[in-house]
Each structure stands twice: as C-alpha cells, then as structure tokens.
C-alpha cells in the first residue's frame, strides 16, 4: 500500500515536472513511467546476473536473459544516474543511427531495441524523452532512485497513484486489484504450464504476472529457490523442461485492454517479470471487432481466465458483440463480461472473476438470466464474498469472487464470507494480520475440492458453508452470501428502566449542587 511519505515523494516529483515546464498530466505520467522502467530494467538485470551465476555454478538452466552487453554498461541506471545533467541528457537523447556501434547507442534507443527484441516494440517504438532541462532530468532521476520499486508490488501502487492525478482516471470503472486478492484467485484456479491464460480487461496485467509467478513457484525445487539480497525468494522454475519454458514465453499469457496507457504499463510489468513474449492486444473485448480481429481467441480458446473487469464502463450499445446480446439483453458491462468469459473459455476451462455485489442479487431479468446461465449450463463452484473495504481507497464497492468451470453441472456451491483480508478496511489499508481470512479460504477450498467437504460444510453460521443448486434455484439464483448465511444474534442485557431513572436523578442532583456552589462563589 502506498504510504503518506511515498505519496509526498511522488507529489514532489510531479511538482518538479510542473515547474520544469511539463504540465500535461499524461505526459508527466508517461515520462515518470519511462524512468521507472529504466531503473527496473537495471534491477532485473542485476537479478538475472545473480541467477545466471548461481545456476551456472549448479549446472542448471533458466530463461533469464541479460539485456546489456559489456559495451553497454554505461546505459544502465546504476551507472548513468551518477552522471552530470548535460551528459545524462545527451546520453538519453543520443541516436547512434544505422552505422553506429552498440557502444554509441543512447539510453532511450536501447530501451526501444530491448522492447523490439522482446515483442514489446509496438508499445515503446514511439517512446521519447520530453525532458529538455538537465536540472529537471537529474532531479527526476534522483527522485525515482529513491522510490522503493523492489518492495512488493509498490510499482503497481505508484502507477495507480499517478493515474489518480488524471481527472479522467477511472471513468470506465477501472481500479487496481490488490496483489493478495489476485494471489488468492490464482490459487483457486491453479493455472498450469501448457494452459492458455487470459485476462479480457488486463489493466496492468497483475493477473497474468501472478499466474506466471505461481507456475514458476509450483515448478521450483527447494534447491532451485534463490534468496535475493533484499530477502525475497526468486523461483527459477528449475523443474520445467526447455519446451515448457518456451511454451510459457510464447503461448501462455494473453491480455486485452482498450486503454493504451494500461497496455504500456502491462507490457512493462510482464517484461520485468520475465515474460519475454506475451500477447498484449489493444482491443475492446466486448466490441464487434473482437471476433473479427481475433476469431480464435473470441470463441472457446482459453483454459484459464482471471479478471476484474470494469463495473461501470461507458458502453456503445451498437458496438456490443452480437453473440453477447443474444445471451443477455443488457448494457451493464459486469454482466456482459461474464457472458464473454464463458464464450472465450474452452469446455472445462476455469475462471475466477471479481464482480460487484449487484451481480449476485440484482433482480432485473438480465441479472437473473446471467446467474441462471452460470448455475444451469455451467459448473458454478464458489462464491467468495469480500468486505467492502478491499478496494479502498480507489473504490468502496462491495464485491465477490465467482469461481466456475465452463460446461458441466452445478451441484453444490462453496460459499465463504470473508470478514478481513489482512488489512484495515478503511482508506489507509494498514496491515492487520489478526484479521485475515484468505489463508483459511484456500485451506477450506482445498478441503472442499478433495471431496471431503460437502457434508462437513453444513453449518450456515460458519464462514465456509455449502449451498445446493436446488436451493439456489428456489431463491431465483441469488448468489449473495447473506442470503444463505445464518447470523448468530447474541442476546443483549440492559439495565432496568427504574435503575436508569434513579441514576439520572442522582446525576441531576449532583449537577444542581455543583451549580449552587458555583453561584455562591460568584456572590462571595
């Protein structure tokens, strides 16, 4: 979670750009993102150097790849950040041209080449340094150097805070999914190497990145774990074959978004997490052009879909894909995305998706039709109710995670009423380890999946319980946790009215005595 101190640093950095003559918010965000990316490239390079050296000593292999040759070391953040302003600016702007050698290459030119070589060229081909003042560049580089980009998912928080400065941010209902919620959702569907994994509204690609890390973690031996200098564990995926690594890089992850800024950030995020060739598409997946441009992906293509699609998107009803309108007559994006996900999944494909609570109990025909579709024509497996503060400070909406498999038959549904996610539920979102149900969600889910749980999960007063398809059908396919959970009402004891009146009279007498004493002092 971004702290007040970190916000202050970003505000100061923003002010530096403003006073330096760069006042367009989009331009400021873009330039800060480029600088963050350059620093993260250097961090990634240092980690890969460590990983390659350790694995070389052990005789193992990895997909880690070095991005800076020996003659290009001066282009690394750790080197050029120590330069003077004029030299740094010249190096940023330098273009060696077709005849120039690798040592003559400029920093931005190298960044574009790195991206071209790793299938990210379409996002960074036009990347340009708009900073023209050496003093502004030095100040910006120094400030970015102080940002804790290696601390958890701070860079995602930084992107969100930067985007919050745009008056247009969030008009489509976008807000970032917390990392620990993503991790829970990934663990619920258990993505595997060899499966195609997608997010139809990928944003900064958090679901794809964490799916990659989950696959690496579950395919790393104890000997393959590397503890970095900052104490974090690097999972090398040493149990993967070369063919499996190739599949992970080229035919596993795919994301779509119609926000160009989000695509650029997702490209950065994926590259920096070791996914060299993901397929990131500029596309409105609800639109008519989706099946026209990507006919394979739009119909029964993916094994796993993870998503937190926008809830309040502005929608051109004339541009909604015809097959979606045939299934459900609505303009609500949260309902259309559920139908879209079912369309994109292969038979037997799995999904975990965040939905607003209205999807669970909305009474309109479209709401009921979509829930009926999930229950009657597919296998709805779990409803994980989340507390309303999970997405603060960006949004206070109440949500749930739906887990389902395309096709099959719904029998019993696993419900879990999450009271806490390990953080306070106010805008500050401070760590609160004493109130964290997420590990228990996964533990109970594993028990449920092993087939032992359906008879055990009968206590509706517990956080985890079972509901049959027949009961859900009787309730007009209502999927809200509160509909089925039994709440324990503790009997409250109160004082007798006579005793309360007696205390009030005694208090009144005491006040009267004090007033009389005060009045006597004034007369004296």
Protein backbone atom coordinates (compact mmCIF):
# COMPACT_ATOMS: atom_id res chain seq x y z
CA UNK A 1 0.00 0.00 0.00
CA UNK A 2 1.37 3.42 -0.91
CA UNK A 3 2.17 5.42 2.24
CA UNK A 4 1.85 9.11 3.01
CA UNK A 5 5.64 9.51 2.78
CA UNK A 6 5.69 7.83 -0.64
CA UNK A 7 2.78 9.97 -1.81
CA UNK A 8 4.75 13.02 -0.73
CA UNK A 9 7.72 11.91 -2.85
CA UNK A 10 5.50 11.39 -5.89
CA UNK A 11 3.84 14.77 -5.34
CA UNK A 12 7.25 16.41 -5.16
CA UNK A 13 8.36 14.63 -8.34
CA UNK A 14 5.14 15.77 -10.04
CA UNK A 15 5.82 19.33 -8.93
CA UNK A 16 9.35 19.13 -10.39
CA UNK A 17 7.88 18.33 -13.81
CA UNK A 18 5.31 21.09 -13.47
CA UNK A 19 7.86 23.76 -12.58
CA UNK A 20 10.14 22.35 -15.29
CA UNK A 21 7.59 23.22 -17.96
CA UNK A 22 5.89 19.82 -18.45
CA UNK A 23 2.30 20.38 -17.35
CA UNK A 24 0.25 17.85 -19.32
CA UNK A 25 -0.65 15.11 -16.77
CA UNK A 26 -0.48 12.33 -19.38
CA UNK A 27 2.98 13.44 -20.44
CA UNK A 28 4.17 13.58 -16.82
CA UNK A 29 2.88 10.05 -16.13
CA UNK A 30 4.46 8.77 -19.32
CA UNK A 31 7.86 10.30 -18.54
CA UNK A 32 7.88 9.06 -14.94
CA UNK A 33 6.88 5.60 -16.20
CA UNK A 34 9.80 5.58 -18.64
CA UNK A 35 12.25 6.49 -15.87
CA UNK A 36 10.79 3.84 -13.56
CA UNK A 37 11.08 1.34 -16.40
CA UNK A 38 14.75 2.19 -16.98
CA UNK A 39 15.50 1.67 -13.30
CA UNK A 40 13.52 -1.59 -13.19
CA UNK A 41 15.43 -2.85 -16.22
CA UNK A 42 18.64 -2.40 -14.27
CA UNK A 43 17.16 -4.13 -11.20
CA UNK A 44 16.04 -7.01 -13.41
CA UNK A 45 19.49 -7.19 -14.99
CA UNK A 46 21.18 -7.44 -11.59
CA UNK A 47 18.82 -10.23 -10.51
CA UNK A 48 19.35 -12.14 -13.74
CA UNK A 49 23.13 -11.81 -13.38
CA UNK A 50 22.84 -13.32 -9.89
CA UNK A 51 20.51 -16.07 -11.07
CA UNK A 52 22.70 -16.98 -14.05
CA UNK A 53 25.81 -17.09 -11.90
CA UNK A 54 24.18 -19.26 -9.21
CA UNK A 55 22.67 -21.66 -11.74
CA UNK A 56 25.91 -21.84 -13.69
CA UNK A 57 27.67 -22.95 -10.52
CA UNK A 58 25.00 -25.65 -10.05
CA UNK A 59 24.90 -26.68 -13.70
CA UNK A 60 21.21 -25.67 -14.12
CA UNK A 61 19.34 -23.67 -16.75
CA UNK A 62 16.97 -20.70 -16.66
CA UNK A 63 15.05 -18.44 -19.03
CA UNK A 64 16.82 -15.40 -17.55
CA UNK A 65 18.33 -13.19 -20.28
CA UNK A 66 20.82 -10.34 -20.00
CA UNK A 67 19.80 -7.12 -21.76
CA UNK A 68 23.03 -5.09 -21.57
CA UNK A 69 26.22 -6.16 -23.33
CA UNK A 70 29.65 -5.36 -21.94
CA UNK A 71 29.99 -2.22 -24.07
CA UNK A 72 26.51 -1.04 -22.98
CA UNK A 73 27.00 -0.99 -19.22
CA UNK A 74 27.00 2.83 -19.21
CA UNK A 75 23.33 2.67 -20.30
CA UNK A 76 22.31 1.04 -17.03
CA UNK A 77 20.53 3.13 -14.42
CA UNK A 78 23.09 2.40 -11.73
CA UNK A 79 25.78 3.95 -13.94
CA UNK A 80 24.18 6.90 -15.73
CA UNK A 81 22.35 8.18 -12.60
CA UNK A 82 25.75 9.30 -11.28
CA UNK A 83 26.41 11.47 -14.38
CA UNK A 84 26.00 15.22 -14.61
CA UNK A 85 22.85 16.68 -16.12
CA UNK A 86 24.27 17.64 -19.54
CA UNK A 87 25.97 14.27 -20.04
CA UNK A 88 22.88 12.36 -18.87
CA UNK A 89 20.56 14.32 -21.17
CA UNK A 90 22.87 13.79 -24.16
CA UNK A 91 23.02 10.07 -23.44
CA UNK A 92 19.23 9.87 -23.15
CA UNK A 93 18.70 11.65 -26.47
CA UNK A 94 21.54 10.06 -28.42
CA UNK A 95 20.67 8.05 -31.51
CA UNK A 96 23.56 6.07 -33.00
CA UNK A 97 21.79 5.55 -36.31
CA UNK A 98 22.24 2.62 -38.66
CA UNK A 99 26.04 2.92 -38.75
CA UNK A 100 26.59 3.47 -35.06
CA UNK A 101 28.03 0.74 -32.87
CA UNK A 102 26.43 -0.72 -29.77
CA UNK A 103 28.60 1.50 -27.61
CA UNK A 104 27.23 4.61 -29.34
CA UNK A 105 23.62 3.73 -28.61
CA UNK A 106 21.54 6.07 -26.43
CA UNK A 107 19.50 5.08 -23.39
CA UNK A 108 16.07 5.51 -24.97
CA UNK A 109 17.32 3.92 -28.18
CA UNK A 110 18.47 0.89 -26.19
CA UNK A 111 15.12 0.74 -24.39
CA UNK A 112 13.28 0.66 -27.73
CA UNK A 113 15.63 -2.03 -29.05
CA UNK A 114 15.17 -4.17 -25.93
CA UNK A 115 11.43 -3.93 -26.40
CA UNK A 116 11.64 -4.71 -30.13
CA UNK A 117 13.74 -7.78 -29.40
CA UNK A 118 11.21 -9.00 -26.83
CA UNK A 119 7.99 -8.35 -28.79
CA UNK A 120 7.21 -5.09 -26.98
CA UNK A 121 8.19 -2.77 -29.80
CA UNK A 122 4.64 -1.67 -30.64
CA UNK A 123 4.29 -0.20 -27.14
CA UNK A 124 7.65 1.60 -26.96
CA UNK A 125 8.59 2.30 -30.55
CA UNK A 126 7.47 5.91 -30.19
CA UNK A 127 8.85 6.40 -26.67
CA UNK A 128 10.52 9.81 -26.46
CA UNK A 129 12.17 11.80 -23.73
CA UNK A 130 10.23 15.05 -23.37
CA UNK A 131 12.52 16.38 -20.61
CA UNK A 132 14.74 19.09 -22.09
CA UNK A 133 16.23 20.66 -18.96
CA UNK A 134 19.30 18.89 -17.49
CA UNK A 135 18.38 20.05 -13.99
CA UNK A 136 14.85 18.55 -14.27
CA UNK A 137 16.27 15.26 -15.57
CA UNK A 138 18.76 15.00 -12.70
CA UNK A 139 16.08 15.80 -10.10
CA UNK A 140 13.66 13.30 -11.66
CA UNK A 141 16.30 10.55 -11.83
CA UNK A 142 17.31 11.17 -8.20
CA UNK A 143 13.71 11.03 -7.03
CA UNK A 144 12.92 7.86 -8.98
CA UNK A 145 16.09 6.33 -7.47
CA UNK A 146 14.57 6.83 -4.02
CA UNK A 147 11.29 5.07 -4.83
CA UNK A 148 11.00 1.54 -3.32
CA UNK A 149 10.40 -0.22 -6.63
CA UNK A 150 11.63 -3.58 -5.33
CA UNK A 151 9.27 -3.58 -2.35
CA UNK A 152 6.37 -5.94 -3.02
CA UNK A 153 4.05 -4.57 -5.68
CA UNK A 154 4.87 -0.93 -4.98
CA UNK A 155 5.33 -0.09 -8.65
CA UNK A 156 1.71 -1.03 -9.25
CA UNK A 157 0.66 1.24 -6.38
CA UNK A 158 2.80 4.02 -7.83
CA UNK A 159 1.15 3.65 -11.23
CA UNK A 160 -2.26 3.83 -9.58
CA UNK A 161 -1.37 6.92 -7.58
CA UNK A 162 -0.01 8.59 -10.71
CA UNK A 163 -3.19 7.72 -12.60
CA UNK A 164 -5.30 9.12 -9.76
CA UNK A 165 -3.96 12.54 -10.71
CA UNK A 166 -5.79 12.37 -14.02
CA UNK A 167 -9.31 13.78 -13.97
CA UNK A 168 -10.28 11.08 -16.49
CA UNK A 169 -8.93 8.19 -14.42
CA UNK A 170 -11.49 5.60 -13.51
CA UNK A 171 -14.25 6.73 -15.89
CA UNK A 172 -14.57 3.16 -17.10
CA UNK A 173 -14.79 1.72 -13.61
CA UNK A 174 -11.14 0.63 -13.52
CA UNK A 175 -9.27 0.17 -10.27
CA UNK A 176 -6.32 -1.93 -9.37
CA UNK A 177 -6.82 -5.36 -7.80
CA UNK A 178 -4.74 -5.81 -4.61
CA UNK A 179 -1.94 -8.30 -5.01
CA UNK A 180 -3.10 -10.59 -2.19
CA UNK A 181 -6.59 -10.84 -3.73
CA UNK A 182 -5.01 -11.74 -7.07
CA UNK A 183 -2.88 -14.40 -5.39
CA UNK A 184 -5.95 -15.95 -3.78
CA UNK A 185 -7.80 -16.03 -7.10
CA UNK A 186 -4.83 -17.55 -8.91
CA UNK A 187 -4.54 -20.25 -6.24
CA UNK A 188 -8.27 -21.02 -6.57
CA UNK A 189 -7.96 -21.92 -10.27
CA UNK A 190 -4.40 -23.36 -10.13
CA UNK A 191 -3.04 -22.43 -13.60
CA UNK A 192 -0.60 -24.93 -15.06
CA UNK A 193 2.16 -24.86 -17.63
CA UNK A 194 0.75 -25.70 -21.06
CA UNK A 195 -2.56 -23.90 -20.41
CA UNK A 196 -3.59 -20.71 -22.18
CA UNK A 197 -4.27 -17.99 -19.59
CA UNK A 198 -6.05 -14.72 -20.39
CA UNK A 199 -7.47 -11.53 -18.91
CA UNK A 200 -10.02 -9.79 -21.17
CA UNK A 201 -9.55 -6.46 -19.33
CA UNK A 202 -5.94 -6.77 -18.23
CA UNK A 203 -5.08 -3.28 -16.94
CA UNK A 204 -1.51 -3.53 -15.63
CA UNK A 205 -1.50 -7.35 -16.18
CA UNK A 206 -1.46 -8.23 -12.49
CA UNK A 207 -3.34 -11.49 -13.02
CA UNK A 208 -1.00 -12.60 -15.81
CA UNK A 209 2.13 -11.70 -13.86
CA UNK A 210 0.99 -13.51 -10.72
CA UNK A 211 -0.06 -16.55 -12.78
CA UNK A 212 3.45 -16.68 -14.23
CA UNK A 213 4.94 -16.48 -10.73
CA UNK A 214 2.53 -19.16 -9.46
CA UNK A 215 3.60 -21.54 -12.24
CA UNK A 216 7.28 -20.88 -11.55
CA UNK A 217 6.80 -21.33 -7.80
CA UNK A 218 4.95 -24.63 -8.22
CA UNK A 219 7.67 -25.86 -10.57
CA UNK A 220 10.70 -24.95 -8.48
CA UNK A 221 12.56 -27.38 -6.25
CA UNK A 222 13.89 -26.36 -2.87
CA UNK A 223 17.36 -26.28 -4.41
CA UNK A 224 16.06 -24.04 -7.19
CA UNK A 225 14.94 -21.29 -4.81
CA UNK A 226 17.31 -18.32 -4.66
CA UNK A 227 17.19 -15.80 -1.82
CA UNK A 228 17.94 -12.30 -3.15
CA UNK A 229 19.82 -9.62 -1.23
CA UNK A 230 16.55 -7.96 -0.19
CA UNK A 231 15.34 -11.24 1.32
CA UNK A 232 12.81 -12.06 -1.39
CA UNK A 233 12.79 -15.55 -2.92
CA UNK A 234 13.40 -16.00 -6.65
CA UNK A 235 11.75 -19.08 -8.12
CA UNK A 236 13.80 -20.37 -11.02
CA UNK A 237 11.30 -22.96 -12.29
CA UNK A 238 14.15 -25.48 -12.47
CA UNK A 239 11.67 -28.37 -12.76
CA UNK A 240 10.41 -27.08 -16.12
CA UNK A 241 11.74 -28.54 -19.36
CA UNK A 242 13.07 -26.32 -22.13
CA UNK A 243 9.89 -26.96 -24.13
CA UNK A 244 7.74 -25.92 -21.17
CA UNK A 245 9.75 -22.73 -20.80
CA UNK A 246 9.25 -21.99 -24.49
CA UNK A 247 5.50 -22.51 -24.14
CA UNK A 248 5.40 -20.17 -21.11
CA UNK A 249 7.11 -17.45 -23.12
CA UNK A 250 5.22 -17.77 -26.39
CA UNK A 251 1.83 -19.45 -25.97
CA UNK A 252 0.56 -18.99 -22.43
CA UNK A 253 -0.36 -15.41 -21.49
CA UNK A 254 -2.68 -13.07 -23.34
CA UNK A 255 -4.25 -9.80 -22.27
CA UNK A 256 -6.64 -7.30 -23.81
CA UNK A 257 -7.43 -3.68 -22.94
CA UNK A 258 -8.61 -0.61 -24.83
CA UNK A 259 -6.65 1.82 -22.67
CA UNK A 260 -3.30 2.50 -24.36
CA UNK A 261 -1.72 3.62 -21.10
CA UNK A 262 -2.74 0.38 -19.39
CA UNK A 263 -1.28 -1.65 -22.26
CA UNK A 264 2.04 0.12 -21.95
CA UNK A 265 2.11 -0.45 -18.21
CA UNK A 266 1.12 -4.10 -18.61
CA UNK A 267 3.88 -4.55 -21.18
CA UNK A 268 6.38 -3.09 -18.71
CA UNK A 269 5.09 -5.29 -15.92
CA UNK A 270 5.25 -8.52 -17.91
CA UNK A 271 8.69 -7.87 -19.35
CA UNK A 272 10.06 -7.03 -15.91
CA UNK A 273 8.65 -10.30 -14.54
CA UNK A 274 10.39 -12.42 -17.15
CA UNK A 275 7.61 -12.91 -19.72
CA UNK A 276 9.52 -12.11 -22.89
CA UNK A 277 6.76 -12.64 -25.47
CA UNK A 278 3.26 -12.25 -24.03
CA UNK A 279 0.41 -11.34 -26.33
CA UNK A 280 -0.94 -7.96 -25.21
CA UNK A 281 -3.67 -6.65 -27.50
CA UNK A 282 -5.25 -3.23 -27.94
CA UNK A 283 -8.86 -4.34 -28.08
CA UNK A 284 -12.29 -3.74 -26.57
CA UNK A 285 -13.25 -7.37 -25.99
CA UNK A 286 -16.97 -6.51 -25.73
CA UNK A 287 -16.96 -4.89 -29.18
CA UNK A 288 -17.94 -6.26 -32.57
CA UNK A 289 -14.37 -6.03 -33.80
CA UNK A 290 -13.12 -8.61 -31.28
CA UNK A 291 -14.32 -11.73 -33.17
CA UNK A 292 -13.38 -10.05 -36.44
CA UNK A 293 -9.78 -9.34 -35.42
CA UNK A 294 -9.25 -12.34 -33.13
CA UNK A 295 -11.69 -15.07 -34.21
CA UNK A 296 -9.82 -17.85 -32.40
CA UNK A 297 -9.47 -16.05 -29.08
CA UNK A 298 -13.11 -14.88 -29.05
CA UNK A 299 -14.52 -18.40 -29.07
CA UNK A 300 -13.59 -21.38 -26.85
CA UNK A 301 -9.85 -20.76 -26.79
CA UNK A 302 -8.60 -20.38 -23.20
CA UNK A 303 -8.06 -22.85 -20.37
CA UNK A 304 -7.98 -20.23 -17.60
CA UNK A 305 -9.38 -16.70 -17.36
CA UNK A 306 -8.69 -14.39 -14.41
CA UNK A 307 -10.24 -10.96 -14.40
CA UNK A 308 -11.51 -7.94 -12.54
CA UNK A 309 -13.39 -6.27 -15.40
CA UNK A 310 -14.65 -2.68 -15.18
CA UNK A 311 -18.02 -2.37 -13.45
CA UNK A 312 -19.29 0.99 -14.69
CA UNK A 313 -18.00 1.17 -18.22
CA UNK A 314 -19.49 3.64 -20.67
CA UNK A 315 -20.83 1.39 -23.39
CA UNK A 316 -21.75 1.92 -27.03
CA UNK A 317 -24.69 -0.47 -27.28
CA UNK A 318 -24.44 -0.54 -31.07
CA UNK A 319 -20.89 -1.88 -30.82
CA UNK A 320 -21.58 -4.75 -28.41
CA UNK A 321 -20.75 -8.16 -29.86
CA UNK A 322 -23.86 -9.78 -31.32
CA UNK A 323 -23.34 -13.14 -29.63
CA UNK A 324 -23.32 -11.44 -26.23
CA UNK A 325 -26.57 -9.59 -26.88
CA UNK A 326 -28.16 -12.87 -27.90
CA UNK A 327 -27.37 -14.34 -24.50
CA UNK A 328 -28.34 -11.36 -22.33
CA UNK A 329 -30.08 -8.09 -23.10
CA UNK A 330 -28.24 -5.51 -21.01
CA UNK A 331 -25.80 -2.61 -21.19
CA UNK A 332 -24.16 -3.46 -17.87
CA UNK A 333 -20.53 -4.31 -18.52
CA UNK A 334 -20.22 -6.60 -15.48
CA UNK A 335 -22.91 -8.90 -16.90
CA UNK A 336 -21.60 -8.75 -20.46
CA UNK A 337 -18.10 -9.67 -19.30
CA UNK A 338 -19.38 -12.81 -17.57
CA UNK A 339 -21.07 -13.94 -20.79
CA UNK A 340 -17.92 -13.02 -22.74
CA UNK A 341 -15.71 -15.07 -20.41
CA UNK A 342 -17.94 -18.12 -20.87
CA UNK A 343 -17.67 -17.61 -24.62
CA UNK A 344 -13.86 -17.33 -24.53
CA UNK A 345 -13.32 -20.42 -22.34
CA UNK A 346 -12.87 -23.90 -23.72
CA UNK A 347 -15.18 -26.61 -22.40
CA UNK A 348 -13.76 -27.43 -18.99
CA UNK A 349 -11.97 -24.07 -18.80
CA UNK A 350 -11.76 -22.41 -15.38
CA UNK A 351 -12.36 -18.85 -14.26
CA UNK A 352 -12.07 -16.66 -11.16
CA UNK A 353 -13.58 -13.20 -11.62
CA UNK A 354 -14.38 -10.23 -9.37
CA UNK A 355 -17.97 -8.99 -9.63
CA UNK A 356 -19.88 -6.23 -7.81
CA UNK A 357 -22.47 -7.44 -5.34
CA UNK A 358 -25.27 -6.36 -7.66
CA UNK A 359 -24.41 -9.28 -9.93
CA UNK A 360 -25.17 -11.65 -7.06
CA UNK A 361 -28.64 -10.43 -6.15
CA UNK A 362 -29.82 -7.97 -8.84
CA UNK A 363 -33.48 -8.58 -9.66
CA UNK A 364 -33.57 -7.47 -13.29
CA UNK A 365 -34.18 -10.06 -15.98
CA UNK A 366 -30.61 -9.73 -17.22
CA UNK A 367 -29.14 -10.33 -13.75
CA UNK A 368 -31.26 -13.43 -13.21
CA UNK A 369 -30.52 -14.74 -16.71
CA UNK A 370 -26.75 -14.49 -16.23
CA UNK A 371 -26.84 -16.21 -12.83
CA UNK A 372 -29.10 -18.92 -14.26
CA UNK A 373 -26.62 -19.37 -17.12
CA UNK A 374 -23.79 -19.90 -14.63
CA UNK A 375 -25.75 -22.35 -12.48
CA UNK A 376 -27.78 -24.32 -15.02
CA UNK A 377 -25.46 -24.53 -18.03
CA UNK A 378 -22.07 -24.46 -16.30
CA UNK A 379 -20.45 -25.53 -13.06
CA UNK A 380 -20.54 -22.71 -10.55
CA UNK A 381 -18.11 -23.83 -7.87
CA UNK A 382 -17.53 -21.00 -5.41
CA UNK A 383 -18.77 -17.61 -4.26
CA UNK A 384 -16.21 -15.77 -2.10
CA UNK A 385 -17.81 -12.69 -0.52
CA UNK A 386 -15.30 -9.86 0.05
CA UNK A 387 -15.69 -6.99 2.55
CA UNK A 388 -16.44 -3.59 1.04
CA UNK A 389 -13.11 -2.03 2.01
CA UNK A 390 -10.92 -4.35 -0.09
CA UNK A 391 -10.58 -1.88 -2.98
CA UNK A 392 -10.19 1.28 -0.91
CA UNK A 393 -9.03 3.97 -1.32
CA UNK A 394 -9.83 3.66 -5.06
CA UNK A 395 -13.39 2.37 -4.61
CA UNK A 396 -15.67 1.36 -1.76
CA UNK A 397 -17.79 -1.05 -3.80
CA UNK A 398 -18.78 -4.39 -2.25
CA UNK A 399 -17.61 -7.33 -4.35
CA UNK A 400 -17.31 -11.09 -4.55
CA UNK A 401 -15.17 -13.59 -6.43
CA UNK A 402 -17.02 -16.13 -8.55
CA UNK A 403 -15.24 -19.36 -9.46
CA UNK A 404 -16.72 -21.51 -12.22
CA UNK A 405 -15.95 -24.06 -14.91
CA UNK A 406 -17.42 -23.88 -18.39
CA UNK A 407 -19.84 -26.72 -19.04
CA UNK A 408 -20.54 -29.50 -16.59
CA UNK A 409 -23.26 -29.31 -13.98
CA UNK A 410 -23.63 -27.33 -10.79
CA UNK A 411 -24.43 -29.47 -7.78
CA UNK A 412 -23.26 -27.78 -4.59
CA UNK A 413 -21.64 -24.35 -4.34
CA UNK A 414 -18.89 -23.41 -1.88
CA UNK A 415 -19.64 -20.10 -0.12
CA UNK A 416 -17.17 -18.18 2.05
CA UNK A 417 -17.90 -14.98 3.94
CA UNK A 418 -14.58 -13.11 4.15
CA UNK A 419 -14.57 -10.71 7.10
CA UNK A 420 -10.97 -9.48 6.74
CA UNK A 421 -8.21 -9.68 4.13
CA UNK A 422 -5.21 -8.89 6.33
CA UNK A 423 -5.54 -5.10 6.05
CA UNK A 424 -7.71 -2.47 7.68
CA UNK A 425 -10.85 -1.80 5.68
CA UNK A 426 -10.55 1.99 5.70
CA UNK A 427 -8.76 4.25 3.22
CA UNK A 428 -5.42 3.75 4.99
CA UNK A 429 -5.41 -0.05 4.48
CA UNK A 430 -2.84 -0.72 7.20
CA UNK A 431 -1.64 -4.33 7.72
CA UNK A 432 -3.92 -6.26 10.07
CA UNK A 433 -2.61 -9.83 10.25
CA UNK A 434 -5.03 -10.74 13.05
CA UNK A 435 -7.97 -10.33 10.66
CA UNK A 436 -7.04 -12.29 7.56
CA UNK A 437 -9.40 -14.96 6.25
CA UNK A 438 -7.64 -15.53 2.91
CA UNK A 439 -5.39 -18.43 4.05
CA UNK A 440 -8.48 -20.10 5.50
CA UNK A 441 -10.36 -19.57 2.23
CA UNK A 442 -7.69 -21.58 0.41
CA UNK A 443 -7.50 -24.22 3.14
CA UNK A 444 -11.27 -24.76 3.16
CA UNK A 445 -11.36 -24.69 -0.65
CA UNK A 446 -8.68 -27.41 -0.82
CA UNK A 447 -10.72 -29.50 1.61
CA UNK A 448 -13.81 -28.93 -0.49
CA UNK A 449 -12.02 -29.92 -3.72
CA UNK A 450 -10.72 -33.12 -2.17
CA UNK A 451 -14.35 -34.22 -1.91
CA UNK A 452 -14.47 -34.38 1.87
CA UNK A 453 -16.12 -31.09 2.48
CA UNK A 454 -19.63 -31.10 1.08
CA UNK A 455 -21.10 -32.98 4.02
CA UNK A 456 -18.93 -31.15 6.55
CA UNK A 457 -19.81 -27.67 5.30
CA UNK A 458 -23.38 -27.69 6.58
CA UNK A 459 -23.04 -25.11 9.35
CA UNK A 460 -24.51 -21.90 7.93
CA UNK A 461 -23.20 -19.97 10.93
CA UNK A 462 -19.60 -20.70 9.85
CA UNK A 463 -17.65 -18.60 7.36
CA UNK A 464 -17.49 -21.51 4.89
CA UNK A 465 -20.62 -23.44 4.01
CA UNK A 466 -22.34 -25.34 1.20
CA UNK A 467 -25.49 -24.48 -0.74
CA UNK A 468 -27.20 -26.86 -3.15
CA UNK A 469 -28.20 -25.96 -6.70
CA UNK A 470 -31.84 -26.65 -5.85
CA UNK A 471 -31.82 -24.11 -3.03
CA UNK A 472 -30.12 -21.51 -5.21
CA UNK A 473 -32.74 -22.09 -7.89
CA UNK A 474 -35.54 -21.62 -5.36
CA UNK A 475 -34.03 -18.24 -4.44
CA UNK A 476 -34.13 -17.03 -8.07
CA UNK A 477 -30.44 -17.87 -8.41
CA UNK A 478 -29.47 -15.34 -5.74
CA UNK A 479 -25.71 -15.75 -5.09
CA UNK A 480 -25.24 -13.32 -2.20
CA UNK A 481 -23.58 -14.85 0.85
CA UNK A 482 -26.01 -13.09 3.18
CA UNK A 483 -28.96 -14.84 1.54
CA UNK A 484 -27.84 -18.23 2.87
CA UNK A 485 -25.67 -17.44 5.88
CA UNK A 486 -27.23 -17.75 9.33
CA UNK A 487 -26.20 -14.94 11.63
CA UNK A 488 -25.81 -15.55 15.33
CA UNK A 489 -27.73 -12.97 17.35
CA UNK A 490 -26.38 -12.56 20.86
CA UNK A 491 -28.95 -11.57 23.44
CA UNK A 492 -28.20 -8.17 24.91
CA UNK A 493 -28.82 -7.40 28.58
CA UNK A 494 -29.89 -3.93 29.66
CA UNK A 495 -30.44 -2.20 33.00
CA UNK A 496 -33.97 -1.95 34.31
CA UNK A 497 -35.71 1.34 33.45
CA UNK A 498 -36.19 2.09 37.15
CA UNK A 499 -32.42 1.82 37.75
CA UNK A 500 -31.63 4.10 34.82
CA UNK A 501 -34.11 6.73 36.08
CA UNK A 502 -32.57 6.52 39.56
CA UNK A 503 -29.07 7.17 38.14
CA UNK A 504 -30.35 10.12 36.09
CA UNK A 505 -31.96 11.68 39.22
CA UNK A 506 -28.72 11.26 41.20
CA UNK A 507 -26.77 12.86 38.36
CA UNK A 508 -29.26 15.74 38.22
CA UNK A 509 -28.92 16.32 41.99
CA UNK A 510 -25.12 16.38 41.67
CA UNK A 511 -25.29 18.93 38.85
CA UNK A 512 -27.71 21.10 40.89
CA UNK A 513 -25.39 21.01 43.92
CA UNK A 514 -22.39 21.99 41.79
CA UNK A 515 -24.32 24.92 40.26
CA UNK A 516 -25.37 26.15 43.72
CA UNK A 517 -21.76 26.02 44.91
CA UNK A 518 -20.60 27.94 41.82
CA UNK A 519 -23.30 30.57 42.34
CA UNK A 520 -22.22 31.01 45.97
CA UNK A 521 -18.61 31.58 44.90
CA UNK A 522 -19.70 34.30 42.46
CA UNK A 523 -21.76 36.13 45.12
CA UNK A 524 -18.90 35.98 47.58
